[in-house]
Amino acid sequence: MNEVDLRIETERASEFCSRVALSGRLDAMNAQMLKETFNQIIEGGVTHLVVDLEQVPFIDSAGLAVLVSALKSTRRVGGSVLLSGIQPQARTVFSLTMLDRVFSIYPSVEAALDSLAGNG
């Protein structure tokens, strides 16, 4: 995997929730691919996405835009996008853009999934 590649692994966590694990840089070079993946998952009936960013060292504005787009799409169907494992450099981007106030951010995938289970 070279530095512009982004690996996307998806797993259905429950009937209405999918886990999406990302590895690599999330930037303009691959944002469209991720957007298409999110759209396919949501069109498949999933309302909640847990996006694992533990292996993502860098996110640019295009990457943020894809996450915001997914959040809007899930909210339209009564769902949500939960983020987990954000690395320090990427966390700074969320703070500077105040998106850390928009997204629910968890330390782990398990914590994010537990929060959904608590909501029914």
PDB file of N, CA and C in Angstrom:
ATOM      1  N   MET A   1       0.850  -1.177   0.000  1.00  0.00           N
ATOM      2  CA  MET A   1       0.000   0.000   0.000  1.00  0.00           C
ATOM      3  C   MET A   1       0.892   1.235   0.000  1.00  0.00           C
ATOM      4  N   ASN A   2       0.726   2.107  -1.002  1.00  0.00           N
ATOM      5  CA  ASN A   2       1.523   3.321  -0.968  1.00  0.00           C
ATOM      6  C   ASN A   2       0.776   4.400  -0.210  1.00  0.00           C
ATOM      7  N   GLU A   3       1.408   5.545  -0.031  1.00  0.00           N
ATOM      8  CA  GLU A   3       0.868   6.532   0.892  1.00  0.00           C
ATOM      9  C   GLU A   3      -0.439   7.188   0.440  1.00  0.00           C
ATOM     10  N   VAL A   4      -0.817   7.062  -0.823  1.00  0.00           N
ATOM     11  CA  VAL A   4      -2.084   7.656  -1.254  1.00  0.00           C
ATOM     12  C   VAL A   4      -3.233   6.649  -1.193  1.00  0.00           C
ATOM     13  N   ASP A   5      -2.928   5.401  -0.888  1.00  0.00           N
ATOM     14  CA  ASP A   5      -3.962   4.378  -0.833  1.00  0.00           C
ATOM     15  C   ASP A   5      -4.754   4.457   0.470  1.00  0.00           C
ATOM     16  N   LEU A   6      -6.009   4.101   0.360  1.00  0.00           N
ATOM     17  CA  LEU A   6      -6.868   3.968   1.524  1.00  0.00           C
ATOM     18  C   LEU A   6      -7.517   2.605   1.439  1.00  0.00           C
ATOM     19  N   ARG A   7      -7.356   1.813   2.490  1.00  0.00           N
ATOM     20  CA  ARG A   7      -8.028   0.518   2.553  1.00  0.00           C
ATOM     21  C   ARG A   7      -9.318   0.684   3.333  1.00  0.00           C
ATOM     22  N   ILE A   8     -10.376   0.096   2.809  1.00  0.00           N
ATOM     23  CA  ILE A   8     -11.688   0.179   3.443  1.00  0.00           C
ATOM     24  C   ILE A   8     -12.179  -1.235   3.702  1.00  0.00           C
ATOM     25  N   GLU A   9     -12.459  -1.528   4.960  1.00  0.00           N
ATOM     26  CA  GLU A   9     -13.024  -2.828   5.318  1.00  0.00           C
ATOM     27  C   GLU A   9     -14.368  -2.579   5.980  1.00  0.00           C
ATOM     28  N   THR A  10     -15.393  -3.262   5.482  1.00  0.00           N
ATOM     29  CA  THR A  10     -16.723  -3.090   6.064  1.00  0.00           C
ATOM     30  C   THR A  10     -17.195  -4.396   6.672  1.00  0.00           C
ATOM     31  N   GLU A  11     -17.970  -4.263   7.720  1.00  0.00           N
ATOM     32  CA  GLU A  11     -18.503  -5.429   8.417  1.00  0.00           C
ATOM     33  C   GLU A  11     -19.861  -5.051   8.998  1.00  0.00           C
ATOM     34  N   ARG A  12     -20.847  -5.859   8.776  1.00  0.00           N
ATOM     35  CA  ARG A  12     -22.177  -5.606   9.334  1.00  0.00           C
ATOM     36  C   ARG A  12     -22.131  -5.963  10.812  1.00  0.00           C
ATOM     37  N   ALA A  13     -22.354  -4.999  11.672  1.00  0.00           N
ATOM     38  CA  ALA A  13     -22.306  -5.238  13.116  1.00  0.00           C
ATOM     39  C   ALA A  13     -23.662  -5.674  13.652  1.00  0.00           C
ATOM     40  N   SER A  14     -24.718  -5.219  12.997  1.00  0.00           N
ATOM     41  CA  SER A  14     -26.083  -5.598  13.366  1.00  0.00           C
ATOM     42  C   SER A  14     -26.974  -5.303  12.170  1.00  0.00           C
ATOM     43  N   GLU A  15     -28.269  -5.493  12.341  1.00  0.00           N
ATOM     44  CA  GLU A  15     -29.182  -5.289  11.221  1.00  0.00           C
ATOM     45  C   GLU A  15     -29.082  -3.878  10.634  1.00  0.00           C
ATOM     46  N   PHE A  16     -28.917  -2.892  11.506  1.00  0.00           N
ATOM     47  CA  PHE A  16     -28.925  -1.504  11.039  1.00  0.00           C
ATOM     48  C   PHE A  16     -27.598  -0.774  11.228  1.00  0.00           C
ATOM     49  N   CYS A  17     -26.533  -1.498  11.550  1.00  0.00           N
ATOM     50  CA  CYS A  17     -25.241  -0.870  11.828  1.00  0.00           C
ATOM     51  C   CYS A  17     -24.112  -1.590  11.100  1.00  0.00           C
ATOM     52  N   SER A  18     -23.240  -0.797  10.483  1.00  0.00           N
ATOM     53  CA  SER A  18     -22.034  -1.347   9.862  1.00  0.00           C
ATOM     54  C   SER A  18     -20.804  -0.671  10.435  1.00  0.00           C
ATOM     55  N   ARG A  19     -19.754  -1.462  10.591  1.00  0.00           N
ATOM     56  CA  ARG A  19     -18.444  -0.948  10.995  1.00  0.00           C
ATOM     57  C   ARG A  19     -17.632  -0.753   9.727  1.00  0.00           C
ATOM     58  N   VAL A  20     -17.015   0.414   9.608  1.00  0.00           N
ATOM     59  CA  VAL A  20     -16.172   0.712   8.455  1.00  0.00           C
ATOM     60  C   VAL A  20     -14.792   1.057   8.996  1.00  0.00           C
ATOM     61  N   ALA A  21     -13.825   0.171   8.755  1.00  0.00           N
ATOM     62  CA  ALA A  21     -12.456   0.390   9.221  1.00  0.00           C
ATOM     63  C   ALA A  21     -11.619   0.932   8.069  1.00  0.00           C
ATOM     64  N   LEU A  22     -10.947   2.045   8.326  1.00  0.00           N
ATOM     65  CA  LEU A  22     -10.118   2.677   7.313  1.00  0.00           C
ATOM     66  C   LEU A  22      -8.648   2.554   7.694  1.00  0.00           C
ATOM     67  N   SER A  23      -7.800   2.370   6.681  1.00  0.00           N
ATOM     68  CA  SER A  23      -6.344   2.323   6.889  1.00  0.00           C
ATOM     69  C   SER A  23      -5.683   3.152   5.810  1.00  0.00           C
ATOM     70  N   GLY A  24      -4.915   4.154   6.218  1.00  0.00           N
ATOM     71  CA  GLY A  24      -4.211   5.016   5.275  1.00  0.00           C
ATOM     72  C   GLY A  24      -4.709   6.448   5.351  1.00  0.00           C
ATOM     73  N   ARG A  25      -4.251   7.256   4.417  1.00  0.00           N
ATOM     74  CA  ARG A  25      -4.636   8.661   4.371  1.00  0.00           C
ATOM     75  C   ARG A  25      -6.041   8.813   3.792  1.00  0.00           C
ATOM     76  N   LEU A  26      -6.831   9.667   4.414  1.00  0.00           N
ATOM     77  CA  LEU A  26      -8.165   9.986   3.907  1.00  0.00           C
ATOM     78  C   LEU A  26      -8.078  11.389   3.330  1.00  0.00           C
ATOM     79  N   ASP A  27      -7.978  11.455   2.001  1.00  0.00           N
ATOM     80  CA  ASP A  27      -7.755  12.744   1.354  1.00  0.00           C
ATOM     81  C   ASP A  27      -8.447  12.810   0.002  1.00  0.00           C
ATOM     82  N   ALA A  28      -8.197  13.879  -0.725  1.00  0.00           N
ATOM     83  CA  ALA A  28      -8.863  14.116  -2.007  1.00  0.00           C
ATOM     84  C   ALA A  28      -8.625  12.998  -3.014  1.00  0.00           C
ATOM     85  N   MET A  29      -7.524  12.285  -2.884  1.00  0.00           N
ATOM     86  CA  MET A  29      -7.201  11.210  -3.825  1.00  0.00           C
ATOM     87  C   MET A  29      -8.156  10.014  -3.695  1.00  0.00           C
ATOM     88  N   ASN A  30      -8.745   9.828  -2.526  1.00  0.00           N
ATOM     89  CA  ASN A  30      -9.573   8.640  -2.334  1.00  0.00           C
ATOM     90  C   ASN A  30     -10.928   8.934  -1.687  1.00  0.00           C
ATOM     91  N   ALA A  31     -11.250  10.191  -1.488  1.00  0.00           N
ATOM     92  CA  ALA A  31     -12.503  10.551  -0.822  1.00  0.00           C
ATOM     93  C   ALA A  31     -13.727  10.053  -1.593  1.00  0.00           C
ATOM     94  N   GLN A  32     -13.691  10.148  -2.906  1.00  0.00           N
ATOM     95  CA  GLN A  32     -14.842   9.720  -3.712  1.00  0.00           C
ATOM     96  C   GLN A  32     -15.110   8.221  -3.548  1.00  0.00           C
ATOM     97  N   MET A  33     -14.045   7.429  -3.485  1.00  0.00           N
ATOM     98  CA  MET A  33     -14.186   5.987  -3.289  1.00  0.00           C
ATOM     99  C   MET A  33     -14.883   5.696  -1.951  1.00  0.00           C
ATOM    100  N   LEU A  34     -14.498   6.425  -0.914  1.00  0.00           N
ATOM    101  CA  LEU A  34     -15.122   6.226   0.395  1.00  0.00           C
ATOM    102  C   LEU A  34     -16.583   6.684   0.363  1.00  0.00           C
ATOM    103  N   LYS A  35     -16.848   7.790  -0.310  1.00  0.00           N
ATOM    104  CA  LYS A  35     -18.226   8.284  -0.412  1.00  0.00           C
ATOM    105  C   LYS A  35     -19.119   7.240  -1.080  1.00  0.00           C
ATOM    106  N   GLU A  36     -18.629   6.619  -2.144  1.00  0.00           N
ATOM    107  CA  GLU A  36     -19.392   5.586  -2.835  1.00  0.00           C
ATOM    108  C   GLU A  36     -19.637   4.385  -1.926  1.00  0.00           C
ATOM    109  N   THR A  37     -18.640   4.023  -1.130  1.00  0.00           N
ATOM    110  CA  THR A  37     -18.790   2.917  -0.183  1.00  0.00           C
ATOM    111  C   THR A  37     -19.869   3.234   0.840  1.00  0.00           C
ATOM    112  N   PHE A  38     -19.807   4.428   1.426  1.00  0.00           N
ATOM    113  CA  PHE A  38     -20.829   4.835   2.395  1.00  0.00           C
ATOM    114  C   PHE A  38     -22.218   4.800   1.762  1.00  0.00           C
ATOM    115  N   ASN A  39     -22.345   5.346   0.547  1.00  0.00           N
ATOM    116  CA  ASN A  39     -23.647   5.384  -0.120  1.00  0.00           C
ATOM    117  C   ASN A  39     -24.213   3.985  -0.332  1.00  0.00           C
ATOM    118  N   GLN A  40     -23.362   3.046  -0.749  1.00  0.00           N
ATOM    119  CA  GLN A  40     -23.811   1.666  -0.955  1.00  0.00           C
ATOM    120  C   GLN A  40     -24.298   1.048   0.351  1.00  0.00           C
ATOM    121  N   ILE A  41     -23.567   1.291   1.421  1.00  0.00           N
ATOM    122  CA  ILE A  41     -23.945   0.730   2.720  1.00  0.00           C
ATOM    123  C   ILE A  41     -25.290   1.295   3.170  1.00  0.00           C
ATOM    124  N   ILE A  42     -25.437   2.611   3.050  1.00  0.00           N
ATOM    125  CA  ILE A  42     -26.676   3.260   3.487  1.00  0.00           C
ATOM    126  C   ILE A  42     -27.856   2.819   2.613  1.00  0.00           C
ATOM    127  N   GLU A  43     -27.631   2.720   1.308  1.00  0.00           N
ATOM    128  CA  GLU A  43     -28.689   2.245   0.410  1.00  0.00           C
ATOM    129  C   GLU A  43     -29.083   0.810   0.718  1.00  0.00           C
ATOM    130  N   GLY A  44     -28.174   0.057   1.346  1.00  0.00           N
ATOM    131  CA  GLY A  44     -28.456  -1.320   1.731  1.00  0.00           C
ATOM    132  C   GLY A  44     -29.274  -1.444   3.008  1.00  0.00           C
ATOM    133  N   GLY A  45     -29.706  -0.311   3.571  1.00  0.00           N
ATOM    134  CA  GLY A  45     -30.572  -0.361   4.742  1.00  0.00           C
ATOM    135  C   GLY A  45     -29.897  -0.055   6.062  1.00  0.00           C
ATOM    136  N   VAL A  46     -28.606   0.208   6.046  1.00  0.00           N
ATOM    137  CA  VAL A  46     -27.892   0.543   7.276  1.00  0.00           C
ATOM    138  C   VAL A  46     -28.183   1.995   7.643  1.00  0.00           C
ATOM    139  N   THR A  47     -28.482   2.232   8.917  1.00  0.00           N
ATOM    140  CA  THR A  47     -28.740   3.606   9.363  1.00  0.00           C
ATOM    141  C   THR A  47     -27.623   4.145  10.253  1.00  0.00           C
ATOM    142  N   HIS A  48     -26.817   3.265  10.834  1.00  0.00           N
ATOM    143  CA  HIS A  48     -25.728   3.692  11.715  1.00  0.00           C
ATOM    144  C   HIS A  48     -24.393   3.191  11.172  1.00  0.00           C
ATOM    145  N   LEU A  49     -23.434   4.096  11.097  1.00  0.00           N
ATOM    146  CA  LEU A  49     -22.075   3.744  10.685  1.00  0.00           C
ATOM    147  C   LEU A  49     -21.133   4.002  11.845  1.00  0.00           C
ATOM    148  N   VAL A  50     -20.301   3.025  12.152  1.00  0.00           N
ATOM    149  CA  VAL A  50     -19.203   3.215  13.090  1.00  0.00           C
ATOM    150  C   VAL A  50     -17.935   3.223  12.248  1.00  0.00           C
ATOM    151  N   VAL A  51     -17.287   4.375  12.167  1.00  0.00           N
ATOM    152  CA  VAL A  51     -16.116   4.536  11.321  1.00  0.00           C
ATOM    153  C   VAL A  51     -14.868   4.489  12.197  1.00  0.00           C
ATOM    154  N   ASP A  52     -14.073   3.447  11.994  1.00  0.00           N
ATOM    155  CA  ASP A  52     -12.850   3.222  12.762  1.00  0.00           C
ATOM    156  C   ASP A  52     -11.693   3.950  12.074  1.00  0.00           C
ATOM    157  N   LEU A  53     -11.183   4.990  12.731  1.00  0.00           N
ATOM    158  CA  LEU A  53     -10.109   5.816  12.162  1.00  0.00           C
ATOM    159  C   LEU A  53      -8.753   5.563  12.835  1.00  0.00           C
ATOM    160  N   GLU A  54      -8.643   4.457  13.541  1.00  0.00           N
ATOM    161  CA  GLU A  54      -7.418   4.181  14.297  1.00  0.00           C
ATOM    162  C   GLU A  54      -6.178   4.100  13.401  1.00  0.00           C
ATOM    163  N   GLN A  55      -6.351   3.646  12.161  1.00  0.00           N
ATOM    164  CA  GLN A  55      -5.217   3.492  11.245  1.00  0.00           C
ATOM    165  C   GLN A  55      -5.157   4.615  10.204  1.00  0.00           C
ATOM    166  N   VAL A  56      -5.761   5.765  10.529  1.00  0.00           N
ATOM    167  CA  VAL A  56      -5.780   6.909   9.610  1.00  0.00           C
ATOM    168  C   VAL A  56      -4.959   8.040  10.223  1.00  0.00           C
ATOM    169  N   PRO A  57      -3.730   8.244   9.722  1.00  0.00           N
ATOM    170  CA  PRO A  57      -2.876   9.287  10.300  1.00  0.00           C
ATOM    171  C   PRO A  57      -3.175  10.690   9.789  1.00  0.00           C
ATOM    172  N   PHE A  58      -3.936  10.796   8.680  1.00  0.00           N
ATOM    173  CA  PHE A  58      -4.130  12.100   8.039  1.00  0.00           C
ATOM    174  C   PHE A  58      -5.516  12.175   7.410  1.00  0.00           C
ATOM    175  N   ILE A  59      -6.197  13.293   7.649  1.00  0.00           N
ATOM    176  CA  ILE A  59      -7.491  13.563   7.011  1.00  0.00           C
ATOM    177  C   ILE A  59      -7.455  14.997   6.506  1.00  0.00           C
ATOM    178  N   ASP A  60      -7.811  15.198   5.229  1.00  0.00           N
ATOM    179  CA  ASP A  60      -7.877  16.564   4.701  1.00  0.00           C
ATOM    180  C   ASP A  60      -9.339  16.991   4.568  1.00  0.00           C
ATOM    181  N   SER A  61      -9.567  18.164   3.990  1.00  0.00           N
ATOM    182  CA  SER A  61     -10.928  18.704   3.904  1.00  0.00           C
ATOM    183  C   SER A  61     -11.845  17.815   3.061  1.00  0.00           C
ATOM    184  N   ALA A  62     -11.312  17.176   2.033  1.00  0.00           N
ATOM    185  CA  ALA A  62     -12.130  16.273   1.220  1.00  0.00           C
ATOM    186  C   ALA A  62     -12.570  15.069   2.045  1.00  0.00           C
ATOM    187  N   GLY A  63     -11.683  14.571   2.877  1.00  0.00           N
ATOM    188  CA  GLY A  63     -12.032  13.459   3.764  1.00  0.00           C
ATOM    189  C   GLY A  63     -13.085  13.854   4.775  1.00  0.00           C
ATOM    190  N   LEU A  64     -12.937  15.051   5.343  1.00  0.00           N
ATOM    191  CA  LEU A  64     -13.940  15.549   6.281  1.00  0.00           C
ATOM    192  C   LEU A  64     -15.296  15.700   5.595  1.00  0.00           C
ATOM    193  N   ALA A  65     -15.277  16.193   4.360  1.00  0.00           N
ATOM    194  CA  ALA A  65     -16.522  16.395   3.612  1.00  0.00           C
ATOM    195  C   ALA A  65     -17.258  15.075   3.409  1.00  0.00           C
ATOM    196  N   VAL A  66     -16.531  14.001   3.157  1.00  0.00           N
ATOM    197  CA  VAL A  66     -17.159  12.689   2.973  1.00  0.00           C
ATOM    198  C   VAL A  66     -17.810  12.221   4.280  1.00  0.00           C
ATOM    199  N   LEU A  67     -17.135  12.437   5.392  1.00  0.00           N
ATOM    200  CA  LEU A  67     -17.703  12.051   6.682  1.00  0.00           C
ATOM    201  C   LEU A  67     -18.962  12.867   6.989  1.00  0.00           C
ATOM    202  N   VAL A  68     -18.930  14.168   6.699  1.00  0.00           N
ATOM    203  CA  VAL A  68     -20.097  15.020   6.921  1.00  0.00           C
ATOM    204  C   VAL A  68     -21.249  14.594   6.008  1.00  0.00           C
ATOM    205  N   SER A  69     -20.938  14.273   4.769  1.00  0.00           N
ATOM    206  CA  SER A  69     -21.955  13.809   3.824  1.00  0.00           C
ATOM    207  C   SER A  69     -22.624  12.527   4.325  1.00  0.00           C
ATOM    208  N   ALA A  70     -21.809  11.598   4.830  1.00  0.00           N
ATOM    209  CA  ALA A  70     -22.356  10.349   5.376  1.00  0.00           C
ATOM    210  C   ALA A  70     -23.230  10.634   6.589  1.00  0.00           C
ATOM    211  N   LEU A  71     -22.817  11.584   7.415  1.00  0.00           N
ATOM    212  CA  LEU A  71     -23.605  11.946   8.589  1.00  0.00           C
ATOM    213  C   LEU A  71     -24.974  12.484   8.164  1.00  0.00           C
ATOM    214  N   LYS A  72     -24.987  13.356   7.165  1.00  0.00           N
ATOM    215  CA  LYS A  72     -26.257  13.902   6.666  1.00  0.00           C
ATOM    216  C   LYS A  72     -27.146  12.787   6.116  1.00  0.00           C
ATOM    217  N   SER A  73     -26.552  11.871   5.371  1.00  0.00           N
ATOM    218  CA  SER A  73     -27.321  10.765   4.780  1.00  0.00           C
ATOM    219  C   SER A  73     -27.925   9.861   5.848  1.00  0.00           C
ATOM    220  N   THR A  74     -27.144   9.545   6.881  1.00  0.00           N
ATOM    221  CA  THR A  74     -27.669   8.666   7.933  1.00  0.00           C
ATOM    222  C   THR A  74     -28.722   9.386   8.769  1.00  0.00           C
ATOM    223  N   ARG A  75     -28.519  10.662   9.013  1.00  0.00           N
ATOM    224  CA  ARG A  75     -29.515  11.415   9.804  1.00  0.00           C
ATOM    225  C   ARG A  75     -30.852  11.496   9.079  1.00  0.00           C
ATOM    226  N   ARG A  76     -30.823  11.551   7.751  1.00  0.00           N
ATOM    227  CA  ARG A  76     -32.076  11.586   6.979  1.00  0.00           C
ATOM    228  C   ARG A  76     -32.911  10.335   7.212  1.00  0.00           C
ATOM    229  N   VAL A  77     -32.261   9.226   7.561  1.00  0.00           N
ATOM    230  CA  VAL A  77     -32.983   7.976   7.799  1.00  0.00           C
ATOM    231  C   VAL A  77     -33.002   7.612   9.289  1.00  0.00           C
ATOM    232  N   GLY A  78     -32.790   8.624  10.130  1.00  0.00           N
ATOM    233  CA  GLY A  78     -32.863   8.411  11.574  1.00  0.00           C
ATOM    234  C   GLY A  78     -31.649   7.758  12.182  1.00  0.00           C
ATOM    235  N   GLY A  79     -30.513   7.825  11.494  1.00  0.00           N
ATOM    236  CA  GLY A  79     -29.307   7.163  11.974  1.00  0.00           C
ATOM    237  C   GLY A  79     -28.218   8.121  12.412  1.00  0.00           C
ATOM    238  N   SER A  80     -26.989   7.616  12.390  1.00  0.00           N
ATOM    239  CA  SER A  80     -25.860   8.401  12.868  1.00  0.00           C
ATOM    240  C   SER A  80     -24.551   7.866  12.295  1.00  0.00           C
ATOM    241  N   VAL A  81     -23.515   8.679  12.419  1.00  0.00           N
ATOM    242  CA  VAL A  81     -22.148   8.258  12.133  1.00  0.00           C
ATOM    243  C   VAL A  81     -21.363   8.461  13.417  1.00  0.00           C
ATOM    244  N   LEU A  82     -20.788   7.390  13.925  1.00  0.00           N
ATOM    245  CA  LEU A  82     -19.959   7.443  15.123  1.00  0.00           C
ATOM    246  C   LEU A  82     -18.517   7.211  14.699  1.00  0.00           C
ATOM    247  N   LEU A  83     -17.619   8.019  15.231  1.00  0.00           N
ATOM    248  CA  LEU A  83     -16.202   7.889  14.893  1.00  0.00           C
ATOM    249  C   LEU A  83     -15.451   7.286  16.071  1.00  0.00           C
ATOM    250  N   SER A  84     -14.459   6.462  15.773  1.00  0.00           N
ATOM    251  CA  SER A  84     -13.661   5.872  16.851  1.00  0.00           C
ATOM    252  C   SER A  84     -12.178   5.873  16.488  1.00  0.00           C
ATOM    253  N   GLY A  85     -11.361   5.903  17.524  1.00  0.00           N
ATOM    254  CA  GLY A  85      -9.926   5.745  17.371  1.00  0.00           C
ATOM    255  C   GLY A  85      -9.211   6.850  16.606  1.00  0.00           C
ATOM    256  N   ILE A  86      -9.705   8.077  16.685  1.00  0.00           N
ATOM    257  CA  ILE A  86      -9.080   9.167  15.928  1.00  0.00           C
ATOM    258  C   ILE A  86      -7.684   9.434  16.473  1.00  0.00           C
ATOM    259  N   GLN A  87      -6.712   9.473  15.568  1.00  0.00           N
ATOM    260  CA  GLN A  87      -5.322   9.719  15.930  1.00  0.00           C
ATOM    261  C   GLN A  87      -5.105  11.200  16.252  1.00  0.00           C
ATOM    262  N   PRO A  88      -4.062  11.514  17.050  1.00  0.00           N
ATOM    263  CA  PRO A  88      -3.862  12.901  17.503  1.00  0.00           C
ATOM    264  C   PRO A  88      -3.823  13.950  16.386  1.00  0.00           C
ATOM    265  N   GLN A  89      -3.088  13.685  15.302  1.00  0.00           N
ATOM    266  CA  GLN A  89      -2.999  14.681  14.236  1.00  0.00           C
ATOM    267  C   GLN A  89      -4.370  14.899  13.584  1.00  0.00           C
ATOM    268  N   ALA A  90      -5.081  13.818  13.337  1.00  0.00           N
ATOM    269  CA  ALA A  90      -6.414  13.937  12.752  1.00  0.00           C
ATOM    270  C   ALA A  90      -7.378  14.567  13.750  1.00  0.00           C
ATOM    271  N   ARG A  91      -7.208  14.283  15.011  1.00  0.00           N
ATOM    272  CA  ARG A  91      -8.078  14.848  16.059  1.00  0.00           C
ATOM    273  C   ARG A  91      -7.978  16.376  16.053  1.00  0.00           C
ATOM    274  N   THR A  92      -6.785  16.887  15.810  1.00  0.00           N
ATOM    275  CA  THR A  92      -6.574  18.333  15.737  1.00  0.00           C
ATOM    276  C   THR A  92      -7.429  18.947  14.640  1.00  0.00           C
ATOM    277  N   VAL A  93      -7.514  18.274  13.493  1.00  0.00           N
ATOM    278  CA  VAL A  93      -8.319  18.767  12.382  1.00  0.00           C
ATOM    279  C   VAL A  93      -9.791  18.834  12.799  1.00  0.00           C
ATOM    280  N   PHE A  94     -10.262  17.828  13.507  1.00  0.00           N
ATOM    281  CA  PHE A  94     -11.646  17.838  13.979  1.00  0.00           C
ATOM    282  C   PHE A  94     -11.882  18.977  14.967  1.00  0.00           C
ATOM    283  N   SER A  95     -10.901  19.245  15.825  1.00  0.00           N
ATOM    284  CA  SER A  95     -11.036  20.340  16.788  1.00  0.00           C
ATOM    285  C   SER A  95     -11.045  21.694  16.101  1.00  0.00           C
ATOM    286  N   LEU A  96     -10.109  21.898  15.172  1.00  0.00           N
ATOM    287  CA  LEU A  96     -10.001  23.186  14.482  1.00  0.00           C
ATOM    288  C   LEU A  96     -11.251  23.510  13.669  1.00  0.00           C
ATOM    289  N   THR A  97     -11.861  22.490  13.094  1.00  0.00           N
ATOM    290  CA  THR A  97     -13.060  22.691  12.271  1.00  0.00           C
ATOM    291  C   THR A  97     -14.350  22.604  13.101  1.00  0.00           C
ATOM    292  N   MET A  98     -14.186  22.346  14.390  1.00  0.00           N
ATOM    293  CA  MET A  98     -15.300  22.168  15.334  1.00  0.00           C
ATOM    294  C   MET A  98     -16.185  20.974  14.986  1.00  0.00           C
ATOM    295  N   LEU A  99     -15.696  20.082  14.155  1.00  0.00           N
ATOM    296  CA  LEU A  99     -16.464  18.876  13.842  1.00  0.00           C
ATOM    297  C   LEU A  99     -16.467  17.892  15.007  1.00  0.00           C
ATOM    298  N   ASP A 100     -15.578  18.112  15.976  1.00  0.00           N
ATOM    299  CA  ASP A 100     -15.626  17.274  17.176  1.00  0.00           C
ATOM    300  C   ASP A 100     -16.883  17.560  17.993  1.00  0.00           C
ATOM    301  N   ARG A 101     -17.588  18.657  17.669  1.00  0.00           N
ATOM    302  CA  ARG A 101     -18.868  18.972  18.318  1.00  0.00           C
ATOM    303  C   ARG A 101     -20.052  18.429  17.519  1.00  0.00           C
ATOM    304  N   VAL A 102     -19.795  18.024  16.281  1.00  0.00           N
ATOM    305  CA  VAL A 102     -20.842  17.534  15.386  1.00  0.00           C
ATOM    306  C   VAL A 102     -20.937  16.012  15.443  1.00  0.00           C
ATOM    307  N   PHE A 103     -19.767  15.364  15.459  1.00  0.00           N
ATOM    308  CA  PHE A 103     -19.709  13.902  15.475  1.00  0.00           C
ATOM    309  C   PHE A 103     -19.626  13.376  16.898  1.00  0.00           C
ATOM    310  N   SER A 104     -20.188  12.203  17.109  1.00  0.00           N
ATOM    311  CA  SER A 104     -19.966  11.468  18.351  1.00  0.00           C
ATOM    312  C   SER A 104     -18.665  10.700  18.172  1.00  0.00           C
ATOM    313  N   ILE A 105     -17.710  10.949  19.068  1.00  0.00           N
ATOM    314  CA  ILE A 105     -16.370  10.375  18.941  1.00  0.00           C
ATOM    315  C   ILE A 105     -16.103   9.487  20.154  1.00  0.00           C
ATOM    316  N   TYR A 106     -15.631   8.280  19.870  1.00  0.00           N
ATOM    317  CA  TYR A 106     -15.399   7.278  20.904  1.00  0.00           C
ATOM    318  C   TYR A 106     -13.951   6.794  20.850  1.00  0.00           C
ATOM    319  N   PRO A 107     -13.436   6.309  21.980  1.00  0.00           N
ATOM    320  CA  PRO A 107     -12.049   5.831  21.991  1.00  0.00           C
ATOM    321  C   PRO A 107     -11.858   4.508  21.247  1.00  0.00           C
ATOM    322  N   SER A 108     -12.939   3.734  21.104  1.00  0.00           N
ATOM    323  CA  SER A 108     -12.829   2.428  20.447  1.00  0.00           C
ATOM    324  C   SER A 108     -14.113   2.094  19.706  1.00  0.00           C
ATOM    325  N   VAL A 109     -14.009   1.148  18.790  1.00  0.00           N
ATOM    326  CA  VAL A 109     -15.185   0.649  18.074  1.00  0.00           C
ATOM    327  C   VAL A 109     -16.176   0.061  19.075  1.00  0.00           C
ATOM    328  N   GLU A 110     -15.657  -0.677  20.049  1.00  0.00           N
ATOM    329  CA  GLU A 110     -16.521  -1.331  21.042  1.00  0.00           C
ATOM    330  C   GLU A 110     -17.332  -0.297  21.815  1.00  0.00           C
ATOM    331  N   ALA A 111     -16.700   0.810  22.200  1.00  0.00           N
ATOM    332  CA  ALA A 111     -17.409   1.862  22.939  1.00  0.00           C
ATOM    333  C   ALA A 111     -18.504   2.476  22.076  1.00  0.00           C
ATOM    334  N   ALA A 112     -18.224   2.675  20.785  1.00  0.00           N
ATOM    335  CA  ALA A 112     -19.221   3.232  19.869  1.00  0.00           C
ATOM    336  C   ALA A 112     -20.398   2.271  19.719  1.00  0.00           C
ATOM    337  N   LEU A 113     -20.100   0.986  19.521  1.00  0.00           N
ATOM    338  CA  LEU A 113     -21.161  -0.014  19.367  1.00  0.00           C
ATOM    339  C   LEU A 113     -21.986  -0.127  20.655  1.00  0.00           C
ATOM    340  N   ASP A 114     -21.318  -0.046  21.793  1.00  0.00           N
ATOM    341  CA  ASP A 114     -22.034  -0.098  23.071  1.00  0.00           C
ATOM    342  C   ASP A 114     -23.002   1.069  23.207  1.00  0.00           C
ATOM    343  N   SER A 115     -22.596   2.245  22.719  1.00  0.00           N
ATOM    344  CA  SER A 115     -23.475   3.412  22.825  1.00  0.00           C
ATOM    345  C   SER A 115     -24.724   3.219  21.979  1.00  0.00           C
ATOM    346  N   LEU A 116     -24.582   2.550  20.843  1.00  0.00           N
ATOM    347  CA  LEU A 116     -25.751   2.269  19.992  1.00  0.00           C
ATOM    348  C   LEU A 116     -26.662   1.253  20.667  1.00  0.00           C
ATOM    349  N   ALA A 117     -26.072   0.242  21.281  1.00  0.00           N
ATOM    350  CA  ALA A 117     -26.855  -0.784  21.956  1.00  0.00           C
ATOM    351  C   ALA A 117     -27.665  -0.163  23.086  1.00  0.00           C
ATOM    352  N   GLY A 118     -27.087   0.847  23.723  1.00  0.00           N
ATOM    353  CA  GLY A 118     -27.781   1.528  24.813  1.00  0.00           C
ATOM    354  C   GLY A 118     -28.948   2.350  24.326  1.00  0.00           C
ATOM    355  N   ASN A 119     -28.891   2.747  23.036  1.00  0.00           N
ATOM    356  CA  ASN A 119     -29.973   3.552  22.474  1.00  0.00           C
ATOM    357  C   ASN A 119     -31.074   2.696  21.880  1.00  0.00           C
ATOM    358  N   GLY A 120     -30.902   1.385  21.926  1.00  0.00           N
ATOM    359  CA  GLY A 120     -31.930   0.503  21.370  1.00  0.00           C
ATOM    360  C   GLY A 120     -31.643   0.274  19.966  1.00  0.00           C
TER     361      GLY A 120
END
